[in-house]
Amino acid sequence: MVDKFVGTWKLINSDGFDDYMKILGVGFATRQVGNYIKPNLTFKMDNQGIINVKSESTFKTIEIQFKLDEPFEETTPDGRETMSIFTLENGKLVQKQTWGGKETTIERQIADDGKLIAKCLMGDVVALRTYEKVV
């Protein structure tokens, strides 16, 4: 099921991301950069079930590796030290991050038009980031 995410995806649209970064506690200067950059996401999976996700931009490159349903420590692009876990739920790749008594969820799914939609949720704040596959 993760196979459909494998490949490189380019950010083409971002709605509500500044509000999402604010509720995460991201500072003004970092939010300005976060709103400006258009990262590529690359998903890879090896034959042992290890998934690699790389977020690459002119500002910063972050790479994480994990297995589904196994918690791991993650340092986010904005510097938060979180405990993260990825699961598959109804065709969505769901990432939960917890830190300092807080929690956020990022739901990634492939839309009917083939685009990858990342829905970032924290409290009542929702951001939608849309990616198209790079061929």
C-alpha atoms as a PDB file:
ATOM      1  CA  MET A   1       0.000   0.000   0.000  1.00  0.00           C
ATOM      2  CA  VAL A   2       2.936   2.358   0.656  1.00  0.00           C
ATOM      3  CA  ASP A   3       4.083   1.697  -2.931  1.00  0.00           C
ATOM      4  CA  LYS A   4       1.770   4.370  -4.297  1.00  0.00           C
ATOM      5  CA  PHE A   5       3.725   7.028  -2.356  1.00  0.00           C
ATOM      6  CA  VAL A   6       7.123   5.917  -3.703  1.00  0.00           C
ATOM      7  CA  GLY A   7       8.698   8.530  -5.946  1.00  0.00           C
ATOM      8  CA  THR A   8       9.497  12.226  -5.874  1.00  0.00           C
ATOM      9  CA  TRP A   9       6.778  14.822  -5.296  1.00  0.00           C
ATOM     10  CA  LYS A  10       7.006  18.606  -5.797  1.00  0.00           C
ATOM     11  CA  LEU A  11       4.996  21.023  -3.627  1.00  0.00           C
ATOM     12  CA  ILE A  12       2.597  22.993  -5.844  1.00  0.00           C
ATOM     13  CA  ASN A  13       0.140  24.489  -3.333  1.00  0.00           C
ATOM     14  CA  SER A  14       0.008  25.200   0.386  1.00  0.00           C
ATOM     15  CA  ASP A  15      -3.059  26.464   2.267  1.00  0.00           C
ATOM     16  CA  GLY A  16      -3.094  27.359   5.966  1.00  0.00           C
ATOM     17  CA  PHE A  17       0.532  26.374   6.537  1.00  0.00           C
ATOM     18  CA  ASP A  18       1.479  29.601   8.364  1.00  0.00           C
ATOM     19  CA  ASP A  19      -1.301  29.056  10.926  1.00  0.00           C
ATOM     20  CA  TYR A  20      -0.207  25.437  11.319  1.00  0.00           C
ATOM     21  CA  MET A  21       3.411  26.449  11.933  1.00  0.00           C
ATOM     22  CA  LYS A  22       2.227  29.081  14.465  1.00  0.00           C
ATOM     23  CA  ILE A  23       0.306  26.511  16.519  1.00  0.00           C
ATOM     24  CA  LEU A  24       3.383  24.248  16.441  1.00  0.00           C
ATOM     25  CA  GLY A  25       5.326  27.107  18.042  1.00  0.00           C
ATOM     26  CA  VAL A  26       7.521  27.917  15.038  1.00  0.00           C
ATOM     27  CA  GLY A  27       9.072  31.399  15.238  1.00  0.00           C
ATOM     28  CA  PHE A  28       8.334  34.208  12.772  1.00  0.00           C
ATOM     29  CA  ALA A  29      11.586  34.031  10.767  1.00  0.00           C
ATOM     30  CA  THR A  30      11.395  30.257  10.323  1.00  0.00           C
ATOM     31  CA  ARG A  31       7.720  30.542   9.322  1.00  0.00           C
ATOM     32  CA  GLN A  32       8.637  33.064   6.628  1.00  0.00           C
ATOM     33  CA  VAL A  33      11.157  30.616   5.173  1.00  0.00           C
ATOM     34  CA  GLY A  34       8.681  27.726   5.559  1.00  0.00           C
ATOM     35  CA  ASN A  35       6.039  29.643   3.635  1.00  0.00           C
ATOM     36  CA  TYR A  36       8.457  30.545   0.854  1.00  0.00           C
ATOM     37  CA  ILE A  37      10.210  27.253   0.069  1.00  0.00           C
ATOM     38  CA  LYS A  38       8.699  24.556  -2.113  1.00  0.00           C
ATOM     39  CA  PRO A  39      10.316  21.307  -1.031  1.00  0.00           C
ATOM     40  CA  ASN A  40      10.414  18.044  -2.921  1.00  0.00           C
ATOM     41  CA  LEU A  41       9.406  14.925  -1.000  1.00  0.00           C
ATOM     42  CA  THR A  42      10.965  11.620  -1.988  1.00  0.00           C
ATOM     43  CA  PHE A  43       9.575   8.332  -0.687  1.00  0.00           C
ATOM     44  CA  LYS A  44      11.594   5.119  -1.000  1.00  0.00           C
ATOM     45  CA  MET A  45      11.016   1.674   0.463  1.00  0.00           C
ATOM     46  CA  ASP A  46      13.446  -1.212   0.687  1.00  0.00           C
ATOM     47  CA  ASN A  47      12.646  -4.916   0.662  1.00  0.00           C
ATOM     48  CA  GLN A  48      12.789  -5.099   4.484  1.00  0.00           C
ATOM     49  CA  GLY A  49       9.934  -2.607   4.890  1.00  0.00           C
ATOM     50  CA  ILE A  50      12.107   0.370   5.824  1.00  0.00           C
ATOM     51  CA  ILE A  51      10.622   3.561   4.428  1.00  0.00           C
ATOM     52  CA  ASN A  52      12.825   6.559   3.704  1.00  0.00           C
ATOM     53  CA  VAL A  53      11.313  10.041   3.351  1.00  0.00           C
ATOM     54  CA  LYS A  54      13.498  12.923   2.238  1.00  0.00           C
ATOM     55  CA  SER A  55      12.300  16.532   2.229  1.00  0.00           C
ATOM     56  CA  GLU A  56      14.637  18.593   0.080  1.00  0.00           C
ATOM     57  CA  SER A  57      14.693  22.327  -0.585  1.00  0.00           C
ATOM     58  CA  THR A  58      17.211  25.089  -1.171  1.00  0.00           C
ATOM     59  CA  PHE A  59      16.937  25.909   2.550  1.00  0.00           C
ATOM     60  CA  LYS A  60      17.222  22.502   4.228  1.00  0.00           C
ATOM     61  CA  THR A  61      17.219  18.782   3.567  1.00  0.00           C
ATOM     62  CA  ILE A  62      15.741  16.412   6.150  1.00  0.00           C
ATOM     63  CA  GLU A  63      15.668  12.642   5.870  1.00  0.00           C
ATOM     64  CA  ILE A  64      13.920  10.104   8.098  1.00  0.00           C
ATOM     65  CA  GLN A  65      13.780   6.322   8.040  1.00  0.00           C
ATOM     66  CA  PHE A  66      11.180   4.202   9.774  1.00  0.00           C
ATOM     67  CA  LYS A  67       9.054   1.076   9.715  1.00  0.00           C
ATOM     68  CA  LEU A  68       5.278   1.296   9.852  1.00  0.00           C
ATOM     69  CA  ASP A  69       3.793   0.982  13.346  1.00  0.00           C
ATOM     70  CA  GLU A  70       7.178   1.437  15.072  1.00  0.00           C
ATOM     71  CA  PRO A  71       7.796   4.645  17.075  1.00  0.00           C
ATOM     72  CA  PHE A  72      11.054   6.509  16.425  1.00  0.00           C
ATOM     73  CA  GLU A  73      12.736   9.748  17.465  1.00  0.00           C
ATOM     74  CA  GLU A  74      12.543  12.512  14.875  1.00  0.00           C
ATOM     75  CA  THR A  75      14.026  15.985  14.667  1.00  0.00           C
ATOM     76  CA  THR A  76      11.607  18.048  12.583  1.00  0.00           C
ATOM     77  CA  PRO A  77      12.679  20.697  10.036  1.00  0.00           C
ATOM     78  CA  ASP A  78      11.776  23.401  12.589  1.00  0.00           C
ATOM     79  CA  GLY A  79      13.943  21.740  15.262  1.00  0.00           C
ATOM     80  CA  ARG A  80      11.336  19.970  17.440  1.00  0.00           C
ATOM     81  CA  GLU A  81      12.475  16.705  19.020  1.00  0.00           C
ATOM     82  CA  THR A  82       9.477  14.420  18.640  1.00  0.00           C
ATOM     83  CA  MET A  83       8.459  10.823  19.055  1.00  0.00           C
ATOM     84  CA  SER A  84       6.869   9.867  15.743  1.00  0.00           C
ATOM     85  CA  ILE A  85       4.989   6.909  14.361  1.00  0.00           C
ATOM     86  CA  PHE A  86       3.667   6.190  10.865  1.00  0.00           C
ATOM     87  CA  THR A  87       0.644   3.958  10.250  1.00  0.00           C
ATOM     88  CA  LEU A  88      -1.496   3.071   7.257  1.00  0.00           C
ATOM     89  CA  GLU A  89      -5.159   3.910   7.788  1.00  0.00           C
ATOM     90  CA  ASN A  90      -7.739   3.588   5.002  1.00  0.00           C
ATOM     91  CA  GLY A  91      -5.129   4.175   2.290  1.00  0.00           C
ATOM     92  CA  LYS A  92      -3.610   7.154   4.113  1.00  0.00           C
ATOM     93  CA  LEU A  93      -0.052   7.297   5.410  1.00  0.00           C
ATOM     94  CA  VAL A  94      -0.640   8.815   8.855  1.00  0.00           C
ATOM     95  CA  GLN A  95       2.187  10.352  10.877  1.00  0.00           C
ATOM     96  CA  LYS A  96       1.712  11.289  14.529  1.00  0.00           C
ATOM     97  CA  GLN A  97       4.316  13.423  16.271  1.00  0.00           C
ATOM     98  CA  THR A  98       4.330  13.967  20.042  1.00  0.00           C
ATOM     99  CA  TRP A  99       6.557  16.278  22.063  1.00  0.00           C
ATOM    100  CA  GLY A 100       6.226  18.201  25.337  1.00  0.00           C
ATOM    101  CA  GLY A 101       2.649  17.042  25.906  1.00  0.00           C
ATOM    102  CA  LYS A 102       1.603  18.163  22.410  1.00  0.00           C
ATOM    103  CA  GLU A 103       0.566  16.143  19.364  1.00  0.00           C
ATOM    104  CA  THR A 104       0.159  16.797  15.662  1.00  0.00           C
ATOM    105  CA  THR A 105      -0.955  14.528  12.840  1.00  0.00           C
ATOM    106  CA  ILE A 106      -0.025  14.606   9.166  1.00  0.00           C
ATOM    107  CA  GLU A 107      -2.243  12.517   6.885  1.00  0.00           C
ATOM    108  CA  ARG A 108      -0.869  11.859   3.420  1.00  0.00           C
ATOM    109  CA  GLN A 109      -2.990  10.360   0.671  1.00  0.00           C
ATOM    110  CA  ILE A 110      -3.056  10.115  -3.090  1.00  0.00           C
ATOM    111  CA  ALA A 111      -6.075  11.958  -4.499  1.00  0.00           C
ATOM    112  CA  ASP A 112      -8.148  10.748  -7.444  1.00  0.00           C
ATOM    113  CA  ASP A 113      -6.214  13.124  -9.721  1.00  0.00           C
ATOM    114  CA  GLY A 114      -2.910  11.488  -8.711  1.00  0.00           C
ATOM    115  CA  LYS A 115      -1.690  14.333  -6.505  1.00  0.00           C
ATOM    116  CA  LEU A 116      -0.325  13.737  -3.022  1.00  0.00           C
ATOM    117  CA  ILE A 117      -2.272  15.664  -0.388  1.00  0.00           C
ATOM    118  CA  ALA A 118      -0.690  16.245   3.032  1.00  0.00           C
ATOM    119  CA  LYS A 119      -3.273  17.297   5.622  1.00  0.00           C
ATOM    120  CA  CYS A 120      -1.514  18.776   8.685  1.00  0.00           C
ATOM    121  CA  LEU A 121      -3.693  18.823  11.819  1.00  0.00           C
ATOM    122  CA  MET A 122      -3.188  20.273  15.280  1.00  0.00           C
ATOM    123  CA  GLY A 123      -6.118  21.299  17.451  1.00  0.00           C
ATOM    124  CA  ASP A 124      -8.621  22.998  15.159  1.00  0.00           C
ATOM    125  CA  VAL A 125      -5.927  24.172  12.717  1.00  0.00           C
ATOM    126  CA  VAL A 126      -5.731  22.399   9.362  1.00  0.00           C
ATOM    127  CA  ALA A 127      -3.189  23.001   6.595  1.00  0.00           C
ATOM    128  CA  LEU A 128      -3.341  21.355   3.179  1.00  0.00           C
ATOM    129  CA  ARG A 129      -0.209  20.893   1.104  1.00  0.00           C
ATOM    130  CA  THR A 130      -0.541  19.555  -2.429  1.00  0.00           C
ATOM    131  CA  TYR A 131       2.259  17.814  -4.331  1.00  0.00           C
ATOM    132  CA  GLU A 132       2.472  16.520  -7.878  1.00  0.00           C
ATOM    133  CA  LYS A 133       4.655  13.616  -8.890  1.00  0.00           C
ATOM    134  CA  VAL A 134       7.914  14.468 -10.658  1.00  0.00           C
ATOM    135  CA  VAL A 135       8.378  12.222 -13.668  1.00  0.00           C
END
